[in-house]
């Protein structure tokens, strides 16, 4: 008999009330900072692996190490596995949307409770150009998902994940938050027309964010944010004096963080405020195309700037993708629809 064998049952622990056990699981499975998912470059076929995007090789498997408690026994795994997703905050990095697609395929996306974003500070005149790029992404994503066919899913393999347009478009820093917010938004129950100074759209999506509405209305580098969301058909609702039922003990999980002179540096989407319905969508990935073959994003862009097509724009956006643990994997080109009128943009 091996006296040093690790027991696969824990009678005293399992006698604790379930609420206490869940608190312990939450403590054991919670990372010390938001997790930035990275699709491992060795992923192939159904063998799909994600790691935390940390440049230090020593931290390459740090998130996977948290799952030790889930491997102790079948009962502990059944009780604790889902808590990893509910307890942690996921940071919006280049491959976070790819990770969410994988979770959706595995039936775990509905467990995500906290998603942290960096807040871009931009002038309003940048909005039409960003909407033009989003129009391209939305059309390409819709075509790709339709071509997959019935019974197939984006997250089923490493190949389908890498072939989705979000794999490249989320590498463009200004588009990534918009693509992710659209994923987190919910269908509106009512059809309310939102009017801006330059365009009128009927938002069919709704997102709730704990942000100071006064800053979004008055700060010159933040007023673009509600404008671009409404132009994409997303109604933004803000929460004043936000409070969570289970506040996190570190500033990494703050609802939003200040970075003077800008009043918002990062912000966090919490499912608690939105009560998102994660049931499979019965509508197309994007709003129906108009007679011009474009989405609401492009129509909004032209409403804001009728001279948009005559203005300069880059031929393509270029960014690099790294291997797990560091090192260059590839350079990625995101070409501008219709061609560019100037040099390349690097991210």
C-alpha atoms as a PDB file:
ATOM      1  CA  UNK A   1       0.000   0.000   0.000  1.00  0.00           C
ATOM      2  CA  UNK A   2       1.368   3.407  -0.978  1.00  0.00           C
ATOM      3  CA  UNK A   3       1.089   5.612   2.095  1.00  0.00           C
ATOM      4  CA  UNK A   4       2.152   8.649   0.048  1.00  0.00           C
ATOM      5  CA  UNK A   5      -0.669   8.375  -2.473  1.00  0.00           C
ATOM      6  CA  UNK A   6      -2.803  11.485  -2.894  1.00  0.00           C
ATOM      7  CA  UNK A   7      -6.382  10.865  -1.739  1.00  0.00           C
ATOM      8  CA  UNK A   8      -9.098  11.411  -4.341  1.00  0.00           C
ATOM      9  CA  UNK A   9     -11.762  12.241  -1.767  1.00  0.00           C
ATOM     10  CA  UNK A  10     -11.910  14.912   0.920  1.00  0.00           C
ATOM     11  CA  UNK A  11     -14.521  13.941   3.518  1.00  0.00           C
ATOM     12  CA  UNK A  12     -14.011  16.880   5.895  1.00  0.00           C
ATOM     13  CA  UNK A  13     -14.003  19.493   3.133  1.00  0.00           C
ATOM     14  CA  UNK A  14     -17.131  18.043   1.553  1.00  0.00           C
ATOM     15  CA  UNK A  15     -19.009  18.318   4.840  1.00  0.00           C
ATOM     16  CA  UNK A  16     -18.760  22.117   4.622  1.00  0.00           C
ATOM     17  CA  UNK A  17     -21.877  23.933   3.372  1.00  0.00           C
ATOM     18  CA  UNK A  18     -21.909  24.367  -0.410  1.00  0.00           C
ATOM     19  CA  UNK A  19     -21.821  28.170  -0.046  1.00  0.00           C
ATOM     20  CA  UNK A  20     -18.551  27.918   1.911  1.00  0.00           C
ATOM     21  CA  UNK A  21     -17.052  25.496  -0.593  1.00  0.00           C
ATOM     22  CA  UNK A  22     -17.942  27.844  -3.460  1.00  0.00           C
ATOM     23  CA  UNK A  23     -16.216  30.744  -1.695  1.00  0.00           C
ATOM     24  CA  UNK A  24     -13.102  28.606  -1.319  1.00  0.00           C
ATOM     25  CA  UNK A  25     -13.237  27.599  -4.994  1.00  0.00           C
ATOM     26  CA  UNK A  26     -13.588  31.256  -5.978  1.00  0.00           C
ATOM     27  CA  UNK A  27     -10.519  32.181  -3.942  1.00  0.00           C
ATOM     28  CA  UNK A  28      -8.480  29.282  -5.354  1.00  0.00           C
ATOM     29  CA  UNK A  29      -9.468  29.826  -8.998  1.00  0.00           C
ATOM     30  CA  UNK A  30      -9.275  33.622  -9.165  1.00  0.00           C
ATOM     31  CA  UNK A  31      -6.220  35.063 -10.908  1.00  0.00           C
ATOM     32  CA  UNK A  32      -4.471  38.060  -9.369  1.00  0.00           C
ATOM     33  CA  UNK A  33      -5.238  40.230 -12.416  1.00  0.00           C
ATOM     34  CA  UNK A  34      -7.467  40.179 -15.507  1.00  0.00           C
ATOM     35  CA  UNK A  35      -6.773  37.308 -17.892  1.00  0.00           C
ATOM     36  CA  UNK A  36      -5.764  38.105 -21.488  1.00  0.00           C
ATOM     37  CA  UNK A  37      -6.461  34.914 -23.493  1.00  0.00           C
ATOM     38  CA  UNK A  38      -3.965  33.865 -26.170  1.00  0.00           C
ATOM     39  CA  UNK A  39      -4.574  31.003 -28.599  1.00  0.00           C
ATOM     40  CA  UNK A  40      -1.522  28.760 -28.336  1.00  0.00           C
ATOM     41  CA  UNK A  41       0.366  28.617 -31.638  1.00  0.00           C
ATOM     42  CA  UNK A  42       0.536  24.821 -31.276  1.00  0.00           C
ATOM     43  CA  UNK A  43      -3.274  24.519 -31.420  1.00  0.00           C
ATOM     44  CA  UNK A  44      -4.366  22.312 -34.290  1.00  0.00           C
ATOM     45  CA  UNK A  45      -7.678  20.715 -35.240  1.00  0.00           C
ATOM     46  CA  UNK A  46      -9.748  19.881 -32.172  1.00  0.00           C
ATOM     47  CA  UNK A  47      -6.690  20.330 -29.954  1.00  0.00           C
ATOM     48  CA  UNK A  48      -7.359  23.953 -28.946  1.00  0.00           C
ATOM     49  CA  UNK A  49      -5.398  25.535 -26.099  1.00  0.00           C
ATOM     50  CA  UNK A  50      -5.432  29.042 -24.656  1.00  0.00           C
ATOM     51  CA  UNK A  51      -2.903  30.615 -22.304  1.00  0.00           C
ATOM     52  CA  UNK A  52      -2.586  33.962 -20.531  1.00  0.00           C
ATOM     53  CA  UNK A  53      -0.819  36.482 -22.767  1.00  0.00           C
ATOM     54  CA  UNK A  54       2.124  37.183 -20.480  1.00  0.00           C
ATOM     55  CA  UNK A  55       5.530  38.070 -22.013  1.00  0.00           C
ATOM     56  CA  UNK A  56       7.377  36.263 -19.210  1.00  0.00           C
ATOM     57  CA  UNK A  57       7.946  32.586 -20.131  1.00  0.00           C
ATOM     58  CA  UNK A  58       7.732  31.648 -16.446  1.00  0.00           C
ATOM     59  CA  UNK A  59       4.087  32.799 -16.401  1.00  0.00           C
ATOM     60  CA  UNK A  60       3.134  30.930 -19.580  1.00  0.00           C
ATOM     61  CA  UNK A  61       1.045  28.321 -17.760  1.00  0.00           C
ATOM     62  CA  UNK A  62       0.089  30.392 -14.727  1.00  0.00           C
ATOM     63  CA  UNK A  63      -3.654  30.330 -15.430  1.00  0.00           C
ATOM     64  CA  UNK A  64      -3.722  26.625 -16.195  1.00  0.00           C
ATOM     65  CA  UNK A  65      -2.083  25.998 -12.830  1.00  0.00           C
ATOM     66  CA  UNK A  66      -5.171  27.433 -11.122  1.00  0.00           C
ATOM     67  CA  UNK A  67      -7.198  24.439 -12.306  1.00  0.00           C
ATOM     68  CA  UNK A  68      -5.426  22.079  -9.918  1.00  0.00           C
ATOM     69  CA  UNK A  69      -8.426  21.965  -7.611  1.00  0.00           C
ATOM     70  CA  UNK A  70     -10.662  20.852 -10.500  1.00  0.00           C
ATOM     71  CA  UNK A  71      -8.464  17.798 -11.094  1.00  0.00           C
ATOM     72  CA  UNK A  72      -8.594  16.493  -7.530  1.00  0.00           C
ATOM     73  CA  UNK A  73     -11.802  14.491  -7.964  1.00  0.00           C
ATOM     74  CA  UNK A  74     -14.879  14.309 -10.178  1.00  0.00           C
ATOM     75  CA  UNK A  75     -17.055  15.851  -7.482  1.00  0.00           C
ATOM     76  CA  UNK A  76     -14.694  18.786  -6.905  1.00  0.00           C
ATOM     77  CA  UNK A  77     -14.483  19.350 -10.650  1.00  0.00           C
ATOM     78  CA  UNK A  78     -18.260  19.328 -11.012  1.00  0.00           C
ATOM     79  CA  UNK A  79     -18.609  21.879  -8.209  1.00  0.00           C
ATOM     80  CA  UNK A  80     -15.697  24.168  -9.049  1.00  0.00           C
ATOM     81  CA  UNK A  81     -15.050  24.192 -12.800  1.00  0.00           C
ATOM     82  CA  UNK A  82     -17.665  26.804 -13.756  1.00  0.00           C
ATOM     83  CA  UNK A  83     -16.520  29.114 -10.956  1.00  0.00           C
ATOM     84  CA  UNK A  84     -13.285  29.857 -12.820  1.00  0.00           C
ATOM     85  CA  UNK A  85     -15.265  31.764 -15.454  1.00  0.00           C
ATOM     86  CA  UNK A  86     -17.560  33.560 -13.023  1.00  0.00           C
ATOM     87  CA  UNK A  87     -14.795  34.582 -10.593  1.00  0.00           C
ATOM     88  CA  UNK A  88     -12.294  36.006 -13.065  1.00  0.00           C
ATOM     89  CA  UNK A  89     -12.167  39.124 -15.197  1.00  0.00           C
ATOM     90  CA  UNK A  90     -11.127  38.754 -18.838  1.00  0.00           C
ATOM     91  CA  UNK A  91      -9.180  41.575 -20.460  1.00  0.00           C
ATOM     92  CA  UNK A  92      -9.991  42.539 -24.044  1.00  0.00           C
ATOM     93  CA  UNK A  93      -6.821  41.671 -25.941  1.00  0.00           C
ATOM     94  CA  UNK A  94      -6.326  40.690 -29.579  1.00  0.00           C
ATOM     95  CA  UNK A  95      -7.530  37.114 -29.107  1.00  0.00           C
ATOM     96  CA  UNK A  96     -10.177  37.551 -26.408  1.00  0.00           C
ATOM     97  CA  UNK A  97     -12.998  37.377 -28.956  1.00  0.00           C
ATOM     98  CA  UNK A  98     -11.460  34.190 -30.343  1.00  0.00           C
ATOM     99  CA  UNK A  99     -11.518  32.788 -26.807  1.00  0.00           C
ATOM    100  CA  UNK A 100     -15.154  33.803 -26.368  1.00  0.00           C
ATOM    101  CA  UNK A 101     -16.047  31.967 -29.585  1.00  0.00           C
ATOM    102  CA  UNK A 102     -14.410  28.848 -28.180  1.00  0.00           C
ATOM    103  CA  UNK A 103     -16.312  29.232 -24.901  1.00  0.00           C
ATOM    104  CA  UNK A 104     -19.546  29.670 -26.832  1.00  0.00           C
ATOM    105  CA  UNK A 105     -18.922  26.410 -28.682  1.00  0.00           C
ATOM    106  CA  UNK A 106     -18.198  24.635 -25.375  1.00  0.00           C
ATOM    107  CA  UNK A 107     -21.354  26.068 -23.778  1.00  0.00           C
ATOM    108  CA  UNK A 108     -19.441  28.186 -21.252  1.00  0.00           C
ATOM    109  CA  UNK A 109     -19.696  31.736 -22.604  1.00  0.00           C
ATOM    110  CA  UNK A 110     -22.771  32.410 -20.472  1.00  0.00           C
ATOM    111  CA  UNK A 111     -20.580  31.949 -17.373  1.00  0.00           C
ATOM    112  CA  UNK A 112     -18.458  35.039 -18.117  1.00  0.00           C
ATOM    113  CA  UNK A 113     -19.288  37.772 -15.612  1.00  0.00           C
ATOM    114  CA  UNK A 114     -16.577  40.447 -15.967  1.00  0.00           C
ATOM    115  CA  UNK A 115     -14.826  41.818 -19.079  1.00  0.00           C
ATOM    116  CA  UNK A 116     -12.330  44.680 -18.822  1.00  0.00           C
ATOM    117  CA  UNK A 117     -11.591  47.185 -21.603  1.00  0.00           C
ATOM    118  CA  UNK A 118      -9.083  49.952 -22.156  1.00  0.00           C
ATOM    119  CA  UNK A 119     -10.844  53.219 -22.950  1.00  0.00           C
ATOM    120  CA  UNK A 120      -9.519  54.795 -26.144  1.00  0.00           C
ATOM    121  CA  UNK A 121      -9.360  58.589 -26.108  1.00  0.00           C
ATOM    122  CA  UNK A 122     -10.323  59.841 -29.550  1.00  0.00           C
ATOM    123  CA  UNK A 123     -11.749  62.881 -31.280  1.00  0.00           C
ATOM    124  CA  UNK A 124     -15.213  62.659 -32.822  1.00  0.00           C
ATOM    125  CA  UNK A 125     -13.864  63.162 -36.354  1.00  0.00           C
ATOM    126  CA  UNK A 126     -12.302  59.664 -36.126  1.00  0.00           C
ATOM    127  CA  UNK A 127     -15.708  57.990 -35.862  1.00  0.00           C
ATOM    128  CA  UNK A 128     -16.665  57.782 -39.589  1.00  0.00           C
ATOM    129  CA  UNK A 129     -13.384  56.086 -40.509  1.00  0.00           C
ATOM    130  CA  UNK A 130     -13.787  53.554 -37.694  1.00  0.00           C
ATOM    131  CA  UNK A 131     -17.358  52.855 -38.793  1.00  0.00           C
ATOM    132  CA  UNK A 132     -16.119  52.226 -42.330  1.00  0.00           C
ATOM    133  CA  UNK A 133     -13.716  49.583 -41.000  1.00  0.00           C
ATOM    134  CA  UNK A 134     -16.428  48.053 -38.809  1.00  0.00           C
ATOM    135  CA  UNK A 135     -18.667  47.829 -41.858  1.00  0.00           C
ATOM    136  CA  UNK A 136     -16.023  45.710 -43.588  1.00  0.00           C
ATOM    137  CA  UNK A 137     -15.625  43.457 -40.555  1.00  0.00           C
ATOM    138  CA  UNK A 138     -19.363  42.940 -40.090  1.00  0.00           C
ATOM    139  CA  UNK A 139     -19.858  41.979 -43.728  1.00  0.00           C
ATOM    140  CA  UNK A 140     -16.912  39.575 -43.754  1.00  0.00           C
ATOM    141  CA  UNK A 141     -17.944  37.996 -40.438  1.00  0.00           C
ATOM    142  CA  UNK A 142     -21.486  37.477 -41.670  1.00  0.00           C
ATOM    143  CA  UNK A 143     -20.312  35.847 -44.902  1.00  0.00           C
ATOM    144  CA  UNK A 144     -17.897  33.573 -43.038  1.00  0.00           C
ATOM    145  CA  UNK A 145     -20.428  32.383 -40.472  1.00  0.00           C
ATOM    146  CA  UNK A 146     -23.038  31.715 -43.147  1.00  0.00           C
ATOM    147  CA  UNK A 147     -20.530  29.734 -45.223  1.00  0.00           C
ATOM    148  CA  UNK A 148     -19.700  27.477 -42.277  1.00  0.00           C
ATOM    149  CA  UNK A 149     -23.090  25.888 -42.744  1.00  0.00           C
ATOM    150  CA  UNK A 150     -25.726  24.503 -40.429  1.00  0.00           C
ATOM    151  CA  UNK A 151     -24.458  22.395 -37.553  1.00  0.00           C
ATOM    152  CA  UNK A 152     -20.989  23.953 -37.532  1.00  0.00           C
ATOM    153  CA  UNK A 153     -19.580  26.581 -35.154  1.00  0.00           C
ATOM    154  CA  UNK A 154     -16.729  29.073 -35.240  1.00  0.00           C
ATOM    155  CA  UNK A 155     -15.200  27.619 -32.082  1.00  0.00           C
ATOM    156  CA  UNK A 156     -15.150  23.965 -33.113  1.00  0.00           C
ATOM    157  CA  UNK A 157     -11.485  23.878 -34.192  1.00  0.00           C
ATOM    158  CA  UNK A 158      -8.294  25.910 -34.296  1.00  0.00           C
ATOM    159  CA  UNK A 159      -8.730  26.305 -38.053  1.00  0.00           C
ATOM    160  CA  UNK A 160     -12.257  27.767 -37.858  1.00  0.00           C
ATOM    161  CA  UNK A 161     -11.134  30.145 -35.105  1.00  0.00           C
ATOM    162  CA  UNK A 162      -8.177  31.436 -37.128  1.00  0.00           C
ATOM    163  CA  UNK A 163     -10.236  31.732 -40.313  1.00  0.00           C
ATOM    164  CA  UNK A 164     -12.867  34.002 -38.730  1.00  0.00           C
ATOM    165  CA  UNK A 165     -12.401  37.699 -39.644  1.00  0.00           C
ATOM    166  CA  UNK A 166     -12.267  38.596 -35.921  1.00  0.00           C
ATOM    167  CA  UNK A 167      -8.869  36.827 -35.823  1.00  0.00           C
ATOM    168  CA  UNK A 168      -7.379  39.681 -37.838  1.00  0.00           C
ATOM    169  CA  UNK A 169      -9.743  42.618 -37.220  1.00  0.00           C
ATOM    170  CA  UNK A 170      -9.375  42.346 -33.429  1.00  0.00           C
ATOM    171  CA  UNK A 171      -5.691  43.082 -33.929  1.00  0.00           C
ATOM    172  CA  UNK A 172      -6.680  46.644 -34.866  1.00  0.00           C
ATOM    173  CA  UNK A 173      -6.737  48.348 -31.463  1.00  0.00           C
ATOM    174  CA  UNK A 174      -9.585  50.779 -32.156  1.00  0.00           C
ATOM    175  CA  UNK A 175     -11.900  48.103 -33.561  1.00  0.00           C
ATOM    176  CA  UNK A 176     -11.317  45.384 -30.973  1.00  0.00           C
ATOM    177  CA  UNK A 177     -13.411  46.984 -28.165  1.00  0.00           C
ATOM    178  CA  UNK A 178     -16.288  47.668 -30.565  1.00  0.00           C
ATOM    179  CA  UNK A 179     -16.321  44.078 -31.825  1.00  0.00           C
ATOM    180  CA  UNK A 180     -16.267  42.759 -28.259  1.00  0.00           C
ATOM    181  CA  UNK A 181     -18.959  45.122 -26.970  1.00  0.00           C
ATOM    182  CA  UNK A 182     -21.183  44.002 -29.812  1.00  0.00           C
ATOM    183  CA  UNK A 183     -20.693  40.417 -28.647  1.00  0.00           C
ATOM    184  CA  UNK A 184     -21.623  41.334 -25.076  1.00  0.00           C
ATOM    185  CA  UNK A 185     -24.632  43.457 -26.056  1.00  0.00           C
ATOM    186  CA  UNK A 186     -28.149  42.067 -25.781  1.00  0.00           C
ATOM    187  CA  UNK A 187     -31.151  42.370 -28.057  1.00  0.00           C
ATOM    188  CA  UNK A 188     -33.407  45.269 -27.156  1.00  0.00           C
ATOM    189  CA  UNK A 189     -36.962  44.422 -26.187  1.00  0.00           C
ATOM    190  CA  UNK A 190     -38.301  47.676 -27.548  1.00  0.00           C
ATOM    191  CA  UNK A 191     -37.526  49.587 -30.728  1.00  0.00           C
ATOM    192  CA  UNK A 192     -36.520  53.095 -29.750  1.00  0.00           C
ATOM    193  CA  UNK A 193     -35.060  55.521 -32.245  1.00  0.00           C
ATOM    194  CA  UNK A 194     -31.849  57.223 -31.176  1.00  0.00           C
ATOM    195  CA  UNK A 195     -31.104  60.554 -32.818  1.00  0.00           C
ATOM    196  CA  UNK A 196     -27.673  62.203 -33.001  1.00  0.00           C
ATOM    197  CA  UNK A 197     -26.654  65.479 -34.573  1.00  0.00           C
ATOM    198  CA  UNK A 198     -25.781  63.790 -37.864  1.00  0.00           C
ATOM    199  CA  UNK A 199     -27.575  60.460 -38.092  1.00  0.00           C
ATOM    200  CA  UNK A 200     -30.693  58.619 -37.017  1.00  0.00           C
ATOM    201  CA  UNK A 201     -30.600  54.873 -36.379  1.00  0.00           C
ATOM    202  CA  UNK A 202     -32.782  52.350 -34.623  1.00  0.00           C
ATOM    203  CA  UNK A 203     -30.537  50.456 -32.192  1.00  0.00           C
ATOM    204  CA  UNK A 204     -31.391  46.768 -32.020  1.00  0.00           C
ATOM    205  CA  UNK A 205     -28.760  46.026 -29.361  1.00  0.00           C
ATOM    206  CA  UNK A 206     -28.233  47.284 -25.823  1.00  0.00           C
ATOM    207  CA  UNK A 207     -25.166  47.336 -23.590  1.00  0.00           C
ATOM    208  CA  UNK A 208     -24.990  48.465 -19.958  1.00  0.00           C
ATOM    209  CA  UNK A 209     -21.704  49.868 -18.659  1.00  0.00           C
ATOM    210  CA  UNK A 210     -20.875  51.370 -15.251  1.00  0.00           C
ATOM    211  CA  UNK A 211     -19.470  54.645 -16.574  1.00  0.00           C
ATOM    212  CA  UNK A 212     -19.926  58.288 -15.533  1.00  0.00           C
ATOM    213  CA  UNK A 213     -22.365  59.659 -18.091  1.00  0.00           C
ATOM    214  CA  UNK A 214     -21.210  63.229 -17.444  1.00  0.00           C
ATOM    215  CA  UNK A 215     -17.697  62.431 -18.711  1.00  0.00           C
ATOM    216  CA  UNK A 216     -19.053  60.771 -21.843  1.00  0.00           C
ATOM    217  CA  UNK A 217     -21.082  63.897 -22.602  1.00  0.00           C
ATOM    218  CA  UNK A 218     -18.465  66.559 -21.876  1.00  0.00           C
ATOM    219  CA  UNK A 219     -14.909  65.237 -22.219  1.00  0.00           C
ATOM    220  CA  UNK A 220     -13.595  66.063 -25.735  1.00  0.00           C
ATOM    221  CA  UNK A 221     -11.860  62.676 -26.072  1.00  0.00           C
ATOM    222  CA  UNK A 222     -14.811  60.598 -24.837  1.00  0.00           C
ATOM    223  CA  UNK A 223     -17.891  62.017 -26.573  1.00  0.00           C
ATOM    224  CA  UNK A 224     -17.120  59.777 -29.548  1.00  0.00           C
ATOM    225  CA  UNK A 225     -17.906  56.652 -27.499  1.00  0.00           C
ATOM    226  CA  UNK A 226     -21.733  56.812 -27.236  1.00  0.00           C
ATOM    227  CA  UNK A 227     -21.840  58.213 -30.778  1.00  0.00           C
ATOM    228  CA  UNK A 228     -19.998  55.303 -32.376  1.00  0.00           C
ATOM    229  CA  UNK A 229     -22.012  52.742 -30.419  1.00  0.00           C
ATOM    230  CA  UNK A 230     -25.337  54.245 -31.492  1.00  0.00           C
ATOM    231  CA  UNK A 231     -24.025  54.404 -35.066  1.00  0.00           C
ATOM    232  CA  UNK A 232     -23.439  50.638 -34.849  1.00  0.00           C
ATOM    233  CA  UNK A 233     -26.996  50.079 -33.639  1.00  0.00           C
ATOM    234  CA  UNK A 234     -26.008  49.673 -29.981  1.00  0.00           C
ATOM    235  CA  UNK A 235     -27.860  51.634 -27.301  1.00  0.00           C
ATOM    236  CA  UNK A 236     -25.515  52.537 -24.416  1.00  0.00           C
ATOM    237  CA  UNK A 237     -26.964  52.615 -20.903  1.00  0.00           C
ATOM    238  CA  UNK A 238     -24.760  53.848 -18.071  1.00  0.00           C
ATOM    239  CA  UNK A 239     -24.958  52.982 -14.382  1.00  0.00           C
ATOM    240  CA  UNK A 240     -24.358  55.751 -11.845  1.00  0.00           C
ATOM    241  CA  UNK A 241     -22.709  55.017  -8.487  1.00  0.00           C
ATOM    242  CA  UNK A 242     -22.216  51.361  -9.393  1.00  0.00           C
ATOM    243  CA  UNK A 243     -21.870  48.707  -6.730  1.00  0.00           C
ATOM    244  CA  UNK A 244     -21.437  44.967  -7.094  1.00  0.00           C
ATOM    245  CA  UNK A 245     -22.830  42.336  -4.745  1.00  0.00           C
ATOM    246  CA  UNK A 246     -19.360  40.768  -4.441  1.00  0.00           C
ATOM    247  CA  UNK A 247     -16.761  43.566  -4.784  1.00  0.00           C
ATOM    248  CA  UNK A 248     -13.299  42.362  -5.696  1.00  0.00           C
ATOM    249  CA  UNK A 249     -10.427  43.022  -3.260  1.00  0.00           C
ATOM    250  CA  UNK A 250      -7.970  44.497  -5.771  1.00  0.00           C
ATOM    251  CA  UNK A 251      -8.076  47.571  -8.042  1.00  0.00           C
ATOM    252  CA  UNK A 252      -7.694  45.317 -11.094  1.00  0.00           C
ATOM    253  CA  UNK A 253     -11.408  44.569 -10.816  1.00  0.00           C
ATOM    254  CA  UNK A 254     -12.527  48.181 -10.377  1.00  0.00           C
ATOM    255  CA  UNK A 255     -15.624  49.171 -12.331  1.00  0.00           C
ATOM    256  CA  UNK A 256     -13.672  51.952 -13.972  1.00  0.00           C
ATOM    257  CA  UNK A 257     -10.270  53.428 -13.198  1.00  0.00           C
ATOM    258  CA  UNK A 258      -9.171  57.038 -13.479  1.00  0.00           C
ATOM    259  CA  UNK A 259      -6.053  58.216 -15.269  1.00  0.00           C
ATOM    260  CA  UNK A 260      -5.826  62.037 -15.119  1.00  0.00           C
ATOM    261  CA  UNK A 261      -6.376  64.144 -17.127  1.00  0.00           C
ATOM    262  CA  UNK A 262      -8.813  61.675 -18.742  1.00  0.00           C
ATOM    263  CA  UNK A 263     -11.557  60.616 -16.284  1.00  0.00           C
ATOM    264  CA  UNK A 264     -11.677  57.016 -17.588  1.00  0.00           C
ATOM    265  CA  UNK A 265      -8.679  54.750 -18.213  1.00  0.00           C
ATOM    266  CA  UNK A 266     -10.280  51.300 -18.117  1.00  0.00           C
ATOM    267  CA  UNK A 267     -13.846  50.114 -17.641  1.00  0.00           C
ATOM    268  CA  UNK A 268     -15.404  46.739 -16.896  1.00  0.00           C
ATOM    269  CA  UNK A 269     -18.567  45.177 -18.285  1.00  0.00           C
ATOM    270  CA  UNK A 270     -20.412  43.253 -15.573  1.00  0.00           C
ATOM    271  CA  UNK A 271     -23.132  40.765 -16.455  1.00  0.00           C
ATOM    272  CA  UNK A 272     -24.775  41.701 -13.140  1.00  0.00           C
ATOM    273  CA  UNK A 273     -26.019  45.006 -14.598  1.00  0.00           C
ATOM    274  CA  UNK A 274     -27.128  43.763 -17.975  1.00  0.00           C
ATOM    275  CA  UNK A 275     -28.648  40.338 -17.279  1.00  0.00           C
ATOM    276  CA  UNK A 276     -27.579  39.296 -20.763  1.00  0.00           C
ATOM    277  CA  UNK A 277     -29.501  36.477 -22.408  1.00  0.00           C
ATOM    278  CA  UNK A 278     -26.870  34.102 -23.780  1.00  0.00           C
ATOM    279  CA  UNK A 279     -29.333  31.930 -25.689  1.00  0.00           C
ATOM    280  CA  UNK A 280     -28.292  31.187 -29.297  1.00  0.00           C
ATOM    281  CA  UNK A 281     -29.194  34.058 -31.603  1.00  0.00           C
ATOM    282  CA  UNK A 282     -31.963  33.538 -34.155  1.00  0.00           C
ATOM    283  CA  UNK A 283     -31.036  36.645 -36.178  1.00  0.00           C
ATOM    284  CA  UNK A 284     -28.195  37.161 -38.681  1.00  0.00           C
ATOM    285  CA  UNK A 285     -24.798  38.056 -37.275  1.00  0.00           C
ATOM    286  CA  UNK A 286     -25.184  41.623 -38.532  1.00  0.00           C
ATOM    287  CA  UNK A 287     -28.054  43.953 -39.316  1.00  0.00           C
ATOM    288  CA  UNK A 288     -29.560  43.196 -42.739  1.00  0.00           C
ATOM    289  CA  UNK A 289     -27.719  44.791 -45.635  1.00  0.00           C
ATOM    290  CA  UNK A 290     -29.374  47.742 -47.305  1.00  0.00           C
ATOM    291  CA  UNK A 291     -29.984  48.143 -51.051  1.00  0.00           C
ATOM    292  CA  UNK A 292     -26.425  49.472 -51.301  1.00  0.00           C
ATOM    293  CA  UNK A 293     -25.027  46.202 -49.939  1.00  0.00           C
ATOM    294  CA  UNK A 294     -23.700  47.927 -46.799  1.00  0.00           C
ATOM    295  CA  UNK A 295     -24.486  47.710 -43.083  1.00  0.00           C
ATOM    296  CA  UNK A 296     -25.843  50.397 -40.777  1.00  0.00           C
ATOM    297  CA  UNK A 297     -22.223  51.150 -39.830  1.00  0.00           C
ATOM    298  CA  UNK A 298     -21.421  52.429 -43.308  1.00  0.00           C
ATOM    299  CA  UNK A 299     -24.655  54.370 -43.692  1.00  0.00           C
ATOM    300  CA  UNK A 300     -23.982  56.034 -40.341  1.00  0.00           C
ATOM    301  CA  UNK A 301     -20.416  56.825 -41.412  1.00  0.00           C
ATOM    302  CA  UNK A 302     -21.612  58.652 -44.532  1.00  0.00           C
ATOM    303  CA  UNK A 303     -24.293  60.482 -42.561  1.00  0.00           C
ATOM    304  CA  UNK A 304     -21.592  61.785 -40.225  1.00  0.00           C
ATOM    305  CA  UNK A 305     -19.140  62.584 -43.036  1.00  0.00           C
ATOM    306  CA  UNK A 306     -20.533  62.667 -46.614  1.00  0.00           C
ATOM    307  CA  UNK A 307     -16.982  63.246 -47.949  1.00  0.00           C
ATOM    308  CA  UNK A 308     -15.579  60.132 -46.272  1.00  0.00           C
ATOM    309  CA  UNK A 309     -14.693  58.296 -49.487  1.00  0.00           C
ATOM    310  CA  UNK A 310     -12.662  61.251 -50.748  1.00  0.00           C
ATOM    311  CA  UNK A 311     -10.505  61.462 -47.607  1.00  0.00           C
ATOM    312  CA  UNK A 312      -7.147  59.757 -47.112  1.00  0.00           C
ATOM    313  CA  UNK A 313      -7.017  56.351 -45.439  1.00  0.00           C
ATOM    314  CA  UNK A 314      -4.317  53.684 -45.072  1.00  0.00           C
ATOM    315  CA  UNK A 315      -3.963  50.854 -47.597  1.00  0.00           C
ATOM    316  CA  UNK A 316      -3.887  48.395 -44.731  1.00  0.00           C
ATOM    317  CA  UNK A 317      -3.322  48.029 -41.005  1.00  0.00           C
ATOM    318  CA  UNK A 318      -0.376  45.888 -39.889  1.00  0.00           C
ATOM    319  CA  UNK A 319       0.224  44.232 -36.535  1.00  0.00           C
ATOM    320  CA  UNK A 320       2.360  41.397 -35.190  1.00  0.00           C
ATOM    321  CA  UNK A 321       1.194  38.222 -33.496  1.00  0.00           C
ATOM    322  CA  UNK A 322       3.417  36.512 -30.926  1.00  0.00           C
ATOM    323  CA  UNK A 323       4.014  32.918 -29.977  1.00  0.00           C
ATOM    324  CA  UNK A 324       2.983  31.657 -26.571  1.00  0.00           C
ATOM    325  CA  UNK A 325       5.762  32.568 -24.175  1.00  0.00           C
ATOM    326  CA  UNK A 326       7.117  35.305 -26.465  1.00  0.00           C
ATOM    327  CA  UNK A 327       8.730  35.548 -29.878  1.00  0.00           C
ATOM    328  CA  UNK A 328       7.362  36.738 -33.219  1.00  0.00           C
ATOM    329  CA  UNK A 329       4.910  34.362 -34.881  1.00  0.00           C
ATOM    330  CA  UNK A 330       3.699  36.375 -37.876  1.00  0.00           C
ATOM    331  CA  UNK A 331       2.850  39.774 -39.314  1.00  0.00           C
ATOM    332  CA  UNK A 332      -0.836  40.275 -40.086  1.00  0.00           C
ATOM    333  CA  UNK A 333      -2.236  42.573 -42.784  1.00  0.00           C
ATOM    334  CA  UNK A 334      -5.777  43.945 -42.541  1.00  0.00           C
ATOM    335  CA  UNK A 335      -6.503  45.415 -45.939  1.00  0.00           C
ATOM    336  CA  UNK A 336      -8.747  48.440 -46.415  1.00  0.00           C
ATOM    337  CA  UNK A 337     -11.887  47.719 -48.408  1.00  0.00           C
ATOM    338  CA  UNK A 338     -11.777  49.572 -51.706  1.00  0.00           C
ATOM    339  CA  UNK A 339      -8.085  50.381 -51.337  1.00  0.00           C
ATOM    340  CA  UNK A 340      -6.253  53.118 -49.481  1.00  0.00           C
ATOM    341  CA  UNK A 341      -5.203  56.644 -50.326  1.00  0.00           C
ATOM    342  CA  UNK A 342      -2.058  56.799 -48.171  1.00  0.00           C
ATOM    343  CA  UNK A 343       0.574  54.573 -46.518  1.00  0.00           C
ATOM    344  CA  UNK A 344       0.126  51.737 -44.057  1.00  0.00           C
ATOM    345  CA  UNK A 345      -1.013  51.982 -40.423  1.00  0.00           C
ATOM    346  CA  UNK A 346       0.957  50.006 -37.826  1.00  0.00           C
ATOM    347  CA  UNK A 347      -0.403  48.686 -34.514  1.00  0.00           C
END
